[in-house]
Amino acid sequence: MQTQRRSFLPLVVGCLLISLISGCSVFMAAKQPDKKNLAVLNPGTPRDYVIGELDVPLHTEERNGQKTDIFHFTQGYSPSAKLGRATFHIAADIGTHMLWEFAGTAIEYTATGTEVAIKVNYDEFDRVENIDAIKGEEIVFPPERTSWVKKLSTLPRFKRSTEEVAQVE
């Protein structure tokens, strides 16, 4: 009986040690910033939706009845990406007897999302008219999105009225 306890004791101590020591990279991966839904920046989206997704703007300006907001946020990661990263760190910690923590923590310390600053211009109905990327252009205008956003911005604008739809000159 005594030999069984002695052989079992290192396993219990090892598991407790892993659970106490492990987690810096795992915790950091799980606590990365969330991914923002940048589809709210499409032309025609109401301003309330943009503010609901990107939070309160840093600055708001109004000229000739049209508003302009400046937003600053960190574009993070989807829940599945964060879960995948945390799971990988756990597996790497176990597989390397916690040596991965040194590399994993350094990786998670530098991979904290991308800072984005944008200027959103609204039309007279408080709907997105166009956007300008101040910082993080590769996030706001990725190659697969750039072509159709540019096409949308060149289309003629229409008044959004229930009474009539007339092209704005």
Protein backbone atom coordinates (compact mmCIF):
# COMPACT_ATOMS: atom_id res chain seq x y z
CA MET A 1 0.00 0.00 0.00
CA GLN A 2 2.81 2.35 0.91
CA THR A 3 4.56 1.85 -2.48
CA GLN A 4 1.37 2.64 -4.35
CA ARG A 5 1.05 5.96 -2.52
CA ARG A 6 4.66 6.85 -3.24
CA SER A 7 4.30 6.13 -6.96
CA PHE A 8 1.02 8.04 -7.08
CA LEU A 9 2.36 11.05 -5.15
CA PRO A 10 4.67 12.38 -7.92
CA LEU A 11 1.79 12.22 -10.38
CA VAL A 12 -0.48 14.25 -8.09
CA VAL A 13 2.26 16.77 -7.30
CA GLY A 14 3.08 17.05 -11.02
CA CYS A 15 -0.54 17.70 -11.94
CA LEU A 16 -0.89 20.33 -9.21
CA LEU A 17 2.35 21.97 -10.28
CA ILE A 18 1.25 22.08 -13.93
CA SER A 19 -2.09 23.58 -12.99
CA LEU A 20 -0.41 26.23 -10.83
CA ILE A 21 2.45 27.12 -13.15
CA SER A 22 0.71 26.59 -16.46
CA GLY A 23 -1.56 29.16 -17.81
CA CYS A 24 0.37 32.31 -18.43
CA SER A 25 0.32 31.81 -22.20
CA VAL A 26 -2.99 29.95 -21.98
CA PHE A 27 -4.59 32.75 -19.97
CA MET A 28 -3.11 35.41 -22.24
CA ALA A 29 -4.44 33.64 -25.36
CA ALA A 30 -7.92 33.40 -23.87
CA LYS A 31 -7.94 37.05 -22.76
CA GLN A 32 -6.92 38.59 -26.10
CA PRO A 33 -9.25 41.35 -27.38
CA ASP A 34 -12.36 40.31 -29.28
CA LYS A 35 -12.71 40.64 -33.03
CA LYS A 36 -14.88 43.58 -34.08
CA ASN A 37 -17.46 43.13 -36.83
CA LEU A 38 -16.20 45.57 -39.46
CA ALA A 39 -19.25 44.94 -41.64
CA VAL A 40 -20.81 47.86 -39.73
CA LEU A 41 -18.51 50.11 -41.77
CA ASN A 42 -20.32 49.27 -45.01
CA PRO A 43 -22.02 52.26 -46.67
CA GLY A 44 -25.61 52.70 -45.48
CA THR A 45 -25.13 51.28 -41.97
CA PRO A 46 -26.84 53.40 -39.29
CA ARG A 47 -24.51 55.29 -36.94
CA ASP A 48 -26.03 53.58 -33.88
CA TYR A 49 -24.91 50.18 -35.20
CA VAL A 50 -21.36 51.48 -35.73
CA ILE A 51 -21.20 52.88 -32.19
CA GLY A 52 -22.71 49.68 -30.81
CA GLU A 53 -19.92 47.60 -32.35
CA LEU A 54 -16.92 49.95 -32.10
CA ASP A 55 -17.87 51.71 -28.84
CA VAL A 56 -18.03 55.45 -28.21
CA PRO A 57 -16.01 57.49 -30.73
CA LEU A 58 -12.95 59.39 -29.56
CA HIS A 59 -14.13 62.49 -31.39
CA THR A 60 -17.34 63.56 -33.11
CA GLU A 61 -17.70 66.54 -35.39
CA GLU A 62 -20.74 67.91 -37.22
CA ARG A 63 -20.62 70.09 -40.32
CA ASN A 64 -23.56 71.00 -42.54
CA GLY A 65 -25.76 68.42 -40.83
CA GLN A 66 -23.33 65.56 -41.47
CA LYS A 67 -21.42 63.87 -38.66
CA THR A 68 -17.91 62.49 -38.64
CA ASP A 69 -16.67 60.11 -35.94
CA ILE A 70 -13.13 59.02 -35.17
CA PHE A 71 -12.80 55.58 -33.59
CA HIS A 72 -9.76 53.89 -32.06
CA PHE A 73 -9.87 50.20 -31.13
CA THR A 74 -7.85 47.00 -31.13
CA GLN A 75 -8.97 44.43 -33.68
CA GLY A 76 -8.64 41.16 -31.82
CA TYR A 77 -9.45 37.54 -32.50
CA SER A 78 -12.54 35.41 -32.94
CA PRO A 79 -13.58 33.13 -30.04
CA SER A 80 -12.57 30.05 -32.04
CA ALA A 81 -9.10 31.50 -32.74
CA LYS A 82 -8.60 32.29 -29.05
CA LEU A 83 -9.76 28.80 -28.04
CA GLY A 84 -7.46 27.20 -30.62
CA ARG A 85 -4.47 29.17 -29.39
CA ALA A 86 -5.18 28.36 -25.74
CA THR A 87 -5.62 24.67 -26.55
CA PHE A 88 -2.35 24.64 -28.47
CA HIS A 89 -0.53 26.25 -25.52
CA ILE A 90 -1.92 23.63 -23.12
CA ALA A 91 -0.82 20.79 -25.41
CA ALA A 92 2.61 22.36 -25.93
CA ASP A 93 3.02 22.88 -22.17
CA ILE A 94 2.24 19.25 -21.47
CA GLY A 95 4.34 17.96 -24.37
CA THR A 96 7.41 20.00 -23.41
CA HIS A 97 7.07 19.67 -19.62
CA MET A 98 6.31 23.39 -19.33
CA LEU A 99 9.27 24.57 -21.40
CA TRP A 100 6.84 25.96 -23.98
CA GLU A 101 5.70 28.59 -21.45
CA PHE A 102 8.80 30.68 -22.16
CA ALA A 103 8.08 30.86 -25.90
CA GLY A 104 4.28 30.82 -25.57
CA THR A 105 4.19 33.73 -23.15
CA ALA A 106 6.51 35.78 -25.37
CA ILE A 107 4.34 35.02 -28.41
CA GLU A 108 1.12 35.97 -26.62
CA TYR A 109 2.73 39.11 -25.22
CA THR A 110 3.44 40.36 -28.76
CA ALA A 111 0.28 39.03 -30.47
CA THR A 112 -2.27 41.32 -28.85
CA GLY A 113 -4.26 42.34 -31.90
CA THR A 114 -3.89 45.25 -34.30
CA GLU A 115 -4.53 48.87 -33.40
CA VAL A 116 -7.02 50.52 -35.71
CA ALA A 117 -8.03 54.16 -36.01
CA ILE A 118 -10.69 55.16 -38.52
CA LYS A 119 -12.65 58.21 -39.55
CA VAL A 120 -16.29 57.46 -40.40
CA ASN A 121 -18.28 60.01 -42.40
CA TYR A 122 -22.06 59.85 -42.26
CA ASP A 123 -24.66 61.26 -44.61
CA GLU A 124 -27.53 63.54 -43.56
CA PHE A 125 -29.48 60.46 -42.36
CA ASP A 126 -26.67 59.33 -40.00
CA ARG A 127 -25.74 56.38 -42.19
CA VAL A 128 -22.17 55.47 -43.13
CA GLU A 129 -21.17 57.29 -46.28
CA ASN A 130 -17.46 56.45 -46.40
CA ILE A 131 -14.53 55.63 -44.16
CA ASP A 132 -10.87 56.58 -44.02
CA ALA A 133 -8.30 54.40 -42.28
CA ILE A 134 -5.95 56.43 -40.13
CA LYS A 135 -4.15 53.42 -38.67
CA GLY A 136 -4.50 49.70 -39.41
CA GLU A 137 -5.45 50.06 -43.07
CA GLU A 138 -4.63 46.38 -43.70
CA ILE A 139 -7.40 45.45 -41.24
CA VAL A 140 -10.00 47.93 -42.46
CA PHE A 141 -9.27 47.38 -46.16
CA PRO A 142 -7.99 43.81 -46.60
CA PRO A 143 -7.38 42.82 -50.24
CA GLU A 144 -10.59 40.77 -50.50
CA ARG A 145 -12.70 43.68 -49.21
CA THR A 146 -11.00 46.60 -50.96
CA SER A 147 -12.30 45.95 -54.45
CA TRP A 148 -16.01 45.88 -53.59
CA VAL A 149 -15.79 48.77 -51.08
CA LYS A 150 -14.23 50.94 -53.78
CA LYS A 151 -16.99 49.91 -56.20
CA LEU A 152 -19.66 50.80 -53.62
CA SER A 153 -18.13 54.21 -52.99
CA THR A 154 -18.30 55.08 -56.69
CA LEU A 155 -21.99 54.21 -57.08
CA PRO A 156 -24.46 57.12 -57.15
CA ARG A 157 -26.08 57.94 -53.81
CA PHE A 158 -29.81 57.87 -53.37
CA LYS A 159 -31.96 59.71 -50.85
CA ARG A 160 -33.41 57.32 -48.34
CA SER A 161 -36.94 58.59 -48.13
CA THR A 162 -40.19 56.71 -47.83
CA GLU A 163 -41.90 59.24 -50.10
CA GLU A 164 -39.49 59.25 -53.02
CA VAL A 165 -36.16 57.91 -54.11
CA ALA A 166 -34.27 60.48 -56.13
CA GLN A 167 -30.66 60.53 -57.16
CA VAL A 168 -28.59 63.13 -55.32
CA GLU A 169 -26.49 65.23 -57.60
